[in-house]
Each structure stands twice: as C-alpha cells, then as structure tokens.
Amino acid sequence: MQYENAKDILPASLLAEVQKYAEGKAIYIPKRSKREGWGEASGYREKLNKRNSAILSRYSAGDSILEIAEEFFLSPETIKKIVYGKKVTLPEYSPSVYSAGQYSNAGLGEEWVRIYLESIGTDMPDSDRYFLSELVRIPLRLIDDDGERMVILEDVNFRDVPLVISFEDRRFRVICREDCLSMLRREKKNAHYAFIFARKEEYEYYLKNFGRQFQNYKL
C-alpha cells in the first residue's frame, strides 16, 4: 500500500486535530460503508424478486406465458425473459436509450425507470395500478399536448433520453420532462423511445390498439 503525507491531503485544521491522537503514527483510514444496492433500501428489489419467483412458480405449475402475462400485467416478452433467462447481471445505468434498452431486454425495465425517476425527483407510479411496457418507439403525434413549455435544454441530451409516459383514460401523457417532448417536437421528430405505464383497467385496450403495433427496442 502506498502511503501519503497527511499534510498534502488534509486541511490544516483537520490535520491538527488528527495530530492530537496519532502524531507520527501511520494510520489506515477505511473506506466508507458500501452503498446499498439499488432498490434495497426501499424494499423494491425484494418485491421484484418475490414477483419473479411467483411468475416462475406459475410457469412450473403449467400456466402458459400468455396466462401469466395477463395475471401480472406484463408483456409476454418480459415473462419469457423471466422464465427462460439465466440470472441477470444488472446492466450499467445511464440516462440513455441504450441503457434503458439493455434493462428492458433483460426484463428489468422497471428498475431503469425507477432509477431514472428517482434521479430527477419524480415518484414511480404505483405498480399495483399500472402495467409497464418494454421500451417501445411511440409516434409523438399520439401524445397529448398539455401545454408543455418550449425550453432550450442545455443540461439534457433530450434526443437520447427515453420518455416516460402514462396511458390513462385512453390518452398518452408525459409523466415528467415535458421539456424533452417539446424539444423533440421542435426538431420535428416523428417518434421516440418511451416506457409507457398503462392503467391496468385499460391494459387490454392499450395492447389491442397500440401496444402490439409499437416497435420494441432492439440492441
């Protein structure tokens, strides 16, 4: 281990305080406690693991992929990834379409969305009320204009950040970052990648009229 002179790295006031207790001694300063993994503090990861275990149990008992998808309000493709896939290593997170696509393709789209929403101070919609789509490409003309402001974004790559959208009362609305939608429209983009929360009571309608037509993200 390489040693460093404390006077080169510590403020003078802190060095004077340390010298009261360990002057002339070589001391080891341990790293801070390991940060909890995502979802551990909130309990969400445990909830997700229990849900996936229940899905595997249903599949082992003979339920079909479609039956399980309807029961848990997940897409058949997500169910297939859970029941056929091996243990998944959590992809590296970044606020980008590519990272969101990695999570979605691994059946972990919910985790990407939760991390992203927490990072911008937005609450995650209640998983008991909504179905979450995989990452899909949605025509922007379908999203309601709720009077989002036209803002010039300097701190966000709006072209690469997925939208997070709700489908409720048969309307698509952005949940957060309306400014990203504004800028995409300003550049006359026809479509963009998004995660969509569909209210469970309207899931069948969403799937029949939109979900099966939307293009899923492929790496």
C-alpha atoms as a PDB file:
ATOM      1  CA  MET A   1       0.000   0.000   0.000  1.00  0.00           C
ATOM      2  CA  GLN A   2       1.308   3.442  -0.907  1.00  0.00           C
ATOM      3  CA  TYR A   3       1.376   5.986   1.935  1.00  0.00           C
ATOM      4  CA  GLU A   4       0.708   9.681   1.501  1.00  0.00           C
ATOM      5  CA  ASN A   5       1.721  12.587   3.731  1.00  0.00           C
ATOM      6  CA  ALA A   6      -1.379  13.735   5.582  1.00  0.00           C
ATOM      7  CA  LYS A   7      -0.362  17.385   5.229  1.00  0.00           C
ATOM      8  CA  ASP A   8      -0.666  17.005   1.452  1.00  0.00           C
ATOM      9  CA  ILE A   9      -4.261  15.787   1.524  1.00  0.00           C
ATOM     10  CA  LEU A  10      -5.900  17.077   4.713  1.00  0.00           C
ATOM     11  CA  PRO A  11      -6.952  20.656   5.544  1.00  0.00           C
ATOM     12  CA  ALA A  12      -4.657  22.231   8.170  1.00  0.00           C
ATOM     13  CA  SER A  13      -7.427  22.347  10.776  1.00  0.00           C
ATOM     14  CA  LEU A  14      -8.255  18.665  10.313  1.00  0.00           C
ATOM     15  CA  LEU A  15      -4.557  17.696  10.323  1.00  0.00           C
ATOM     16  CA  ALA A  16      -4.067  19.497  13.653  1.00  0.00           C
ATOM     17  CA  GLU A  17      -6.991  17.582  15.118  1.00  0.00           C
ATOM     18  CA  VAL A  18      -5.657  14.201  13.898  1.00  0.00           C
ATOM     19  CA  GLN A  19      -2.202  15.002  15.290  1.00  0.00           C
ATOM     20  CA  LYS A  20      -3.714  15.205  18.788  1.00  0.00           C
ATOM     21  CA  TYR A  21      -4.446  11.475  18.609  1.00  0.00           C
ATOM     22  CA  ALA A  22      -1.967   9.958  16.151  1.00  0.00           C
ATOM     23  CA  GLU A  23       1.014  12.269  15.687  1.00  0.00           C
ATOM     24  CA  GLY A  24       3.896  10.463  13.960  1.00  0.00           C
ATOM     25  CA  LYS A  25       1.870   7.263  13.514  1.00  0.00           C
ATOM     26  CA  ALA A  26       0.942   5.506  10.281  1.00  0.00           C
ATOM     27  CA  ILE A  27      -2.823   5.011  10.331  1.00  0.00           C
ATOM     28  CA  TYR A  28      -5.260   3.314   7.956  1.00  0.00           C
ATOM     29  CA  ILE A  29      -8.457   5.155   7.050  1.00  0.00           C
ATOM     30  CA  PRO A  30     -11.101   2.632   5.898  1.00  0.00           C
ATOM     31  CA  LYS A  31     -13.436   3.288   3.024  1.00  0.00           C
ATOM     32  CA  ARG A  32     -16.945   4.359   3.806  1.00  0.00           C
ATOM     33  CA  SER A  33     -19.563   1.631   4.152  1.00  0.00           C
ATOM     34  CA  LYS A  34     -20.572   0.052   0.896  1.00  0.00           C
ATOM     35  CA  ARG A  35     -23.541   1.805  -0.606  1.00  0.00           C
ATOM     36  CA  GLU A  36     -26.715  -0.229  -0.620  1.00  0.00           C
ATOM     37  CA  GLY A  37     -27.609  -1.696  -3.978  1.00  0.00           C
ATOM     38  CA  TRP A  38     -30.413  -0.091  -5.902  1.00  0.00           C
ATOM     39  CA  GLY A  39     -33.816  -0.984  -4.520  1.00  0.00           C
ATOM     40  CA  GLU A  40     -32.505  -2.478  -1.271  1.00  0.00           C
ATOM     41  CA  ALA A  41     -33.294   0.489   0.965  1.00  0.00           C
ATOM     42  CA  SER A  42     -36.798   0.980  -0.467  1.00  0.00           C
ATOM     43  CA  GLY A  43     -37.607  -2.738  -0.487  1.00  0.00           C
ATOM     44  CA  TYR A  44     -38.471  -2.601  -4.170  1.00  0.00           C
ATOM     45  CA  ARG A  45     -35.829  -5.161  -5.175  1.00  0.00           C
ATOM     46  CA  GLU A  46     -37.280  -7.651  -2.678  1.00  0.00           C
ATOM     47  CA  LYS A  47     -40.741  -7.011  -4.078  1.00  0.00           C
ATOM     48  CA  LEU A  48     -39.465  -7.564  -7.615  1.00  0.00           C
ATOM     49  CA  ASN A  49     -37.731 -10.795  -6.627  1.00  0.00           C
ATOM     50  CA  LYS A  50     -40.915 -12.096  -4.990  1.00  0.00           C
ATOM     51  CA  ARG A  51     -42.921 -11.232  -8.101  1.00  0.00           C
ATOM     52  CA  ASN A  52     -40.432 -13.030 -10.357  1.00  0.00           C
ATOM     53  CA  SER A  53     -40.471 -16.061  -8.042  1.00  0.00           C
ATOM     54  CA  ALA A  54     -44.261 -16.140  -8.277  1.00  0.00           C
ATOM     55  CA  ILE A  55     -44.032 -15.990 -12.074  1.00  0.00           C
ATOM     56  CA  LEU A  56     -41.598 -18.928 -12.108  1.00  0.00           C
ATOM     57  CA  SER A  57     -43.918 -20.893  -9.822  1.00  0.00           C
ATOM     58  CA  ARG A  58     -46.886 -20.270 -12.117  1.00  0.00           C
ATOM     59  CA  TYR A  59     -44.849 -21.366 -15.112  1.00  0.00           C
ATOM     60  CA  SER A  60     -43.608 -24.512 -13.344  1.00  0.00           C
ATOM     61  CA  ALA A  61     -47.225 -25.321 -12.434  1.00  0.00           C
ATOM     62  CA  GLY A  62     -48.147 -25.352 -16.118  1.00  0.00           C
ATOM     63  CA  ASP A  63     -49.593 -21.876 -16.731  1.00  0.00           C
ATOM     64  CA  SER A  64     -48.898 -20.518 -20.212  1.00  0.00           C
ATOM     65  CA  ILE A  65     -46.802 -17.442 -20.969  1.00  0.00           C
ATOM     66  CA  LEU A  66     -49.932 -15.553 -22.060  1.00  0.00           C
ATOM     67  CA  GLU A  67     -51.882 -16.508 -18.920  1.00  0.00           C
ATOM     68  CA  ILE A  68     -49.020 -15.345 -16.707  1.00  0.00           C
ATOM     69  CA  ALA A  69     -48.638 -12.102 -18.690  1.00  0.00           C
ATOM     70  CA  GLU A  70     -52.333 -11.315 -18.212  1.00  0.00           C
ATOM     71  CA  GLU A  71     -52.223 -12.132 -14.491  1.00  0.00           C
ATOM     72  CA  PHE A  72     -49.188  -9.964 -13.766  1.00  0.00           C
ATOM     73  CA  PHE A  73     -49.944  -7.264 -16.355  1.00  0.00           C
ATOM     74  CA  LEU A  74     -46.597  -7.702 -18.078  1.00  0.00           C
ATOM     75  CA  SER A  75     -45.855  -8.223 -21.740  1.00  0.00           C
ATOM     76  CA  PRO A  76     -45.394 -11.856 -22.903  1.00  0.00           C
ATOM     77  CA  GLU A  77     -41.835 -10.962 -23.951  1.00  0.00           C
ATOM     78  CA  THR A  78     -40.999  -9.849 -20.408  1.00  0.00           C
ATOM     79  CA  ILE A  79     -42.462 -13.089 -18.998  1.00  0.00           C
ATOM     80  CA  LYS A  80     -40.353 -15.113 -21.429  1.00  0.00           C
ATOM     81  CA  LYS A  81     -37.189 -13.341 -20.272  1.00  0.00           C
ATOM     82  CA  ILE A  82     -38.025 -14.104 -16.645  1.00  0.00           C
ATOM     83  CA  VAL A  83     -38.873 -17.792 -17.116  1.00  0.00           C
ATOM     84  CA  TYR A  84     -36.262 -18.640 -19.768  1.00  0.00           C
ATOM     85  CA  GLY A  85     -33.443 -16.352 -18.744  1.00  0.00           C
ATOM     86  CA  LYS A  86     -30.473 -17.061 -16.544  1.00  0.00           C
ATOM     87  CA  LYS A  87     -29.592 -14.887 -13.582  1.00  0.00           C
ATOM     88  CA  VAL A  88     -29.261 -11.378 -14.932  1.00  0.00           C
ATOM     89  CA  THR A  89     -26.390  -9.078 -14.102  1.00  0.00           C
ATOM     90  CA  LEU A  90     -27.748  -5.582 -13.696  1.00  0.00           C
ATOM     91  CA  PRO A  91     -26.605  -3.531 -16.705  1.00  0.00           C
ATOM     92  CA  GLU A  92     -24.762  -0.272 -16.172  1.00  0.00           C
ATOM     93  CA  TYR A  93     -27.222   2.569 -15.691  1.00  0.00           C
ATOM     94  CA  SER A  94     -27.140   5.813 -17.602  1.00  0.00           C
ATOM     95  CA  PRO A  95     -29.985   8.169 -18.603  1.00  0.00           C
ATOM     96  CA  SER A  96     -29.893   6.988 -22.218  1.00  0.00           C
ATOM     97  CA  VAL A  97     -31.903   4.948 -24.698  1.00  0.00           C
ATOM     98  CA  TYR A  98     -29.098   2.385 -24.926  1.00  0.00           C
ATOM     99  CA  SER A  99     -29.002   1.779 -21.166  1.00  0.00           C
ATOM    100  CA  ALA A 100     -32.810   1.679 -20.987  1.00  0.00           C
ATOM    101  CA  GLY A 101     -32.793  -0.829 -23.840  1.00  0.00           C
ATOM    102  CA  GLN A 102     -30.323  -3.078 -22.010  1.00  0.00           C
ATOM    103  CA  TYR A 103     -32.533  -3.091 -18.909  1.00  0.00           C
ATOM    104  CA  SER A 104     -35.675  -3.650 -20.972  1.00  0.00           C
ATOM    105  CA  ASN A 105     -34.161  -6.511 -22.972  1.00  0.00           C
ATOM    106  CA  ALA A 106     -33.139  -8.162 -19.688  1.00  0.00           C
ATOM    107  CA  GLY A 107     -36.695  -7.897 -18.356  1.00  0.00           C
ATOM    108  CA  LEU A 108     -35.643  -5.163 -15.923  1.00  0.00           C
ATOM    109  CA  GLY A 109     -37.259  -2.098 -17.461  1.00  0.00           C
ATOM    110  CA  GLU A 110     -38.971  -1.296 -14.166  1.00  0.00           C
ATOM    111  CA  GLU A 111     -35.601  -0.875 -12.489  1.00  0.00           C
ATOM    112  CA  TRP A 112     -34.299   1.525 -15.121  1.00  0.00           C
ATOM    113  CA  VAL A 113     -37.443   3.654 -14.875  1.00  0.00           C
ATOM    114  CA  ARG A 114     -37.308   3.740 -11.076  1.00  0.00           C
ATOM    115  CA  ILE A 115     -33.645   4.785 -11.047  1.00  0.00           C
ATOM    116  CA  TYR A 116     -34.309   7.468 -13.646  1.00  0.00           C
ATOM    117  CA  LEU A 117     -37.379   8.886 -11.910  1.00  0.00           C
ATOM    118  CA  GLU A 118     -35.627   8.930  -8.538  1.00  0.00           C
ATOM    119  CA  SER A 119     -32.687  10.803 -10.102  1.00  0.00           C
ATOM    120  CA  ILE A 120     -34.971  13.620 -11.284  1.00  0.00           C
ATOM    121  CA  GLY A 121     -37.158  13.703  -8.168  1.00  0.00           C
ATOM    122  CA  THR A 122     -40.285  12.119  -9.642  1.00  0.00           C
ATOM    123  CA  ASP A 123     -42.311   9.391  -7.923  1.00  0.00           C
ATOM    124  CA  MET A 124     -42.695   5.981  -9.502  1.00  0.00           C
ATOM    125  CA  PRO A 125     -46.313   5.201 -10.470  1.00  0.00           C
ATOM    126  CA  ASP A 126     -47.965   2.577  -8.277  1.00  0.00           C
ATOM    127  CA  SER A 127     -47.118  -0.866  -9.665  1.00  0.00           C
ATOM    128  CA  ASP A 128     -50.435  -2.188  -8.314  1.00  0.00           C
ATOM    129  CA  ARG A 129     -52.321   0.143 -10.659  1.00  0.00           C
ATOM    130  CA  TYR A 130     -50.240   0.160 -13.835  1.00  0.00           C
ATOM    131  CA  PHE A 131     -48.714  -2.156 -16.394  1.00  0.00           C
ATOM    132  CA  LEU A 132     -45.279  -1.050 -17.635  1.00  0.00           C
ATOM    133  CA  SER A 133     -44.395  -1.690 -21.255  1.00  0.00           C
ATOM    134  CA  GLU A 134     -40.997  -2.677 -22.517  1.00  0.00           C
ATOM    135  CA  LEU A 135     -39.070   0.138 -24.168  1.00  0.00           C
ATOM    136  CA  VAL A 136     -41.063   0.962 -27.306  1.00  0.00           C
ATOM    137  CA  ARG A 137     -40.989   3.528 -30.074  1.00  0.00           C
ATOM    138  CA  ILE A 138     -44.120   5.698 -29.961  1.00  0.00           C
ATOM    139  CA  PRO A 139     -45.293   8.235 -32.564  1.00  0.00           C
ATOM    140  CA  LEU A 140     -45.149  11.648 -30.906  1.00  0.00           C
ATOM    141  CA  ARG A 141     -48.468  12.650 -32.506  1.00  0.00           C
ATOM    142  CA  LEU A 142     -50.217  10.249 -30.099  1.00  0.00           C
ATOM    143  CA  ILE A 143     -49.019  12.097 -27.002  1.00  0.00           C
ATOM    144  CA  ASP A 144     -51.343  14.802 -25.725  1.00  0.00           C
ATOM    145  CA  ASP A 145     -50.052  18.347 -25.653  1.00  0.00           C
ATOM    146  CA  ASP A 146     -50.813  19.543 -22.140  1.00  0.00           C
ATOM    147  CA  GLY A 147     -49.297  22.926 -22.836  1.00  0.00           C
ATOM    148  CA  GLU A 148     -45.701  21.885 -22.241  1.00  0.00           C
ATOM    149  CA  ARG A 149     -43.347  24.827 -22.318  1.00  0.00           C
ATOM    150  CA  MET A 150     -40.852  25.332 -25.082  1.00  0.00           C
ATOM    151  CA  VAL A 151     -37.490  25.260 -23.356  1.00  0.00           C
ATOM    152  CA  ILE A 152     -33.967  25.226 -24.724  1.00  0.00           C
ATOM    153  CA  LEU A 153     -32.255  22.347 -22.943  1.00  0.00           C
ATOM    154  CA  GLU A 154     -28.573  22.648 -22.226  1.00  0.00           C
ATOM    155  CA  ASP A 155     -28.127  20.049 -19.471  1.00  0.00           C
ATOM    156  CA  VAL A 156     -30.025  17.129 -21.004  1.00  0.00           C
ATOM    157  CA  ASN A 157     -29.460  15.186 -24.204  1.00  0.00           C
ATOM    158  CA  PHE A 158     -33.168  15.112 -24.979  1.00  0.00           C
ATOM    159  CA  ARG A 159     -32.570  13.176 -28.217  1.00  0.00           C
ATOM    160  CA  ASP A 160     -31.205  10.213 -26.255  1.00  0.00           C
ATOM    161  CA  VAL A 161     -33.320  10.168 -23.081  1.00  0.00           C
ATOM    162  CA  PRO A 162     -36.409   7.920 -23.252  1.00  0.00           C
ATOM    163  CA  LEU A 163     -39.747   9.486 -22.456  1.00  0.00           C
ATOM    164  CA  VAL A 164     -41.807   8.141 -19.546  1.00  0.00           C
ATOM    165  CA  ILE A 165     -45.500   8.198 -20.440  1.00  0.00           C
ATOM    166  CA  SER A 166     -48.801   7.218 -18.861  1.00  0.00           C
ATOM    167  CA  PHE A 167     -51.797   5.772 -20.704  1.00  0.00           C
ATOM    168  CA  GLU A 168     -54.955   6.602 -18.813  1.00  0.00           C
ATOM    169  CA  ASP A 169     -58.474   7.492 -19.930  1.00  0.00           C
ATOM    170  CA  ARG A 170     -57.251   6.387 -23.375  1.00  0.00           C
ATOM    171  CA  ARG A 171     -54.788   9.261 -23.541  1.00  0.00           C
ATOM    172  CA  PHE A 172     -50.994   9.303 -23.628  1.00  0.00           C
ATOM    173  CA  ARG A 173     -49.364  11.923 -21.402  1.00  0.00           C
ATOM    174  CA  VAL A 174     -45.768  12.508 -20.372  1.00  0.00           C
ATOM    175  CA  ILE A 175     -45.144  11.873 -16.669  1.00  0.00           C
ATOM    176  CA  CYS A 176     -42.029  14.026 -16.466  1.00  0.00           C
ATOM    177  CA  ARG A 177     -39.597  16.107 -18.544  1.00  0.00           C
ATOM    178  CA  GLU A 178     -42.208  17.739 -20.748  1.00  0.00           C
ATOM    179  CA  ASP A 179     -39.355  19.921 -21.974  1.00  0.00           C
ATOM    180  CA  CYS A 180     -37.791  16.887 -23.692  1.00  0.00           C
ATOM    181  CA  LEU A 181     -41.026  16.265 -25.573  1.00  0.00           C
ATOM    182  CA  SER A 182     -41.172  19.929 -26.548  1.00  0.00           C
ATOM    183  CA  MET A 183     -37.672  19.843 -27.980  1.00  0.00           C
ATOM    184  CA  LEU A 184     -38.312  16.625 -29.912  1.00  0.00           C
ATOM    185  CA  ARG A 185     -41.375  18.225 -31.471  1.00  0.00           C
ATOM    186  CA  ARG A 186     -39.448  21.375 -32.195  1.00  0.00           C
ATOM    187  CA  GLU A 187     -36.994  19.268 -34.210  1.00  0.00           C
ATOM    188  CA  LYS A 188     -39.993  17.694 -35.984  1.00  0.00           C
ATOM    189  CA  LYS A 189     -39.229  14.169 -34.780  1.00  0.00           C
ATOM    190  CA  ASN A 190     -41.924  11.680 -35.728  1.00  0.00           C
ATOM    191  CA  ALA A 191     -41.315   9.125 -32.994  1.00  0.00           C
ATOM    192  CA  HIS A 192     -39.183   8.473 -29.917  1.00  0.00           C
ATOM    193  CA  TYR A 193     -38.467   5.653 -27.487  1.00  0.00           C
ATOM    194  CA  ALA A 194     -40.517   5.550 -24.304  1.00  0.00           C
ATOM    195  CA  PHE A 195     -41.625   3.450 -21.366  1.00  0.00           C
ATOM    196  CA  ILE A 196     -45.406   3.502 -21.038  1.00  0.00           C
ATOM    197  CA  PHE A 197     -47.412   2.990 -17.856  1.00  0.00           C
ATOM    198  CA  ALA A 198     -50.855   1.729 -18.883  1.00  0.00           C
ATOM    199  CA  ARG A 199     -53.580   1.678 -16.259  1.00  0.00           C
ATOM    200  CA  LYS A 200     -54.448  -1.959 -15.617  1.00  0.00           C
ATOM    201  CA  GLU A 201     -58.151  -1.464 -16.338  1.00  0.00           C
ATOM    202  CA  GLU A 202     -57.164  -0.206 -19.794  1.00  0.00           C
ATOM    203  CA  TYR A 203     -54.370  -2.658 -20.483  1.00  0.00           C
ATOM    204  CA  GLU A 204     -56.330  -4.795 -22.950  1.00  0.00           C
ATOM    205  CA  TYR A 205     -57.422  -1.699 -24.851  1.00  0.00           C
ATOM    206  CA  TYR A 206     -53.858  -0.357 -24.907  1.00  0.00           C
ATOM    207  CA  LEU A 207     -52.434  -3.674 -26.073  1.00  0.00           C
ATOM    208  CA  LYS A 208     -55.030  -4.192 -28.796  1.00  0.00           C
ATOM    209  CA  ASN A 209     -54.981  -0.672 -30.193  1.00  0.00           C
ATOM    210  CA  PHE A 210     -51.382   0.409 -29.613  1.00  0.00           C
ATOM    211  CA  GLY A 211     -49.051  -1.976 -27.800  1.00  0.00           C
ATOM    212  CA  ARG A 212     -48.903  -4.637 -30.489  1.00  0.00           C
ATOM    213  CA  GLN A 213     -48.165  -2.006 -33.138  1.00  0.00           C
ATOM    214  CA  PHE A 214     -45.369  -0.182 -31.323  1.00  0.00           C
ATOM    215  CA  GLN A 215     -41.821  -1.132 -32.234  1.00  0.00           C
ATOM    216  CA  ASN A 216     -39.878  -2.686 -29.364  1.00  0.00           C
ATOM    217  CA  TYR A 217     -36.305  -1.556 -28.792  1.00  0.00           C
ATOM    218  CA  LYS A 218     -33.701  -3.966 -30.166  1.00  0.00           C
ATOM    219  CA  LEU A 219     -29.964  -3.734 -29.489  1.00  0.00           C
END
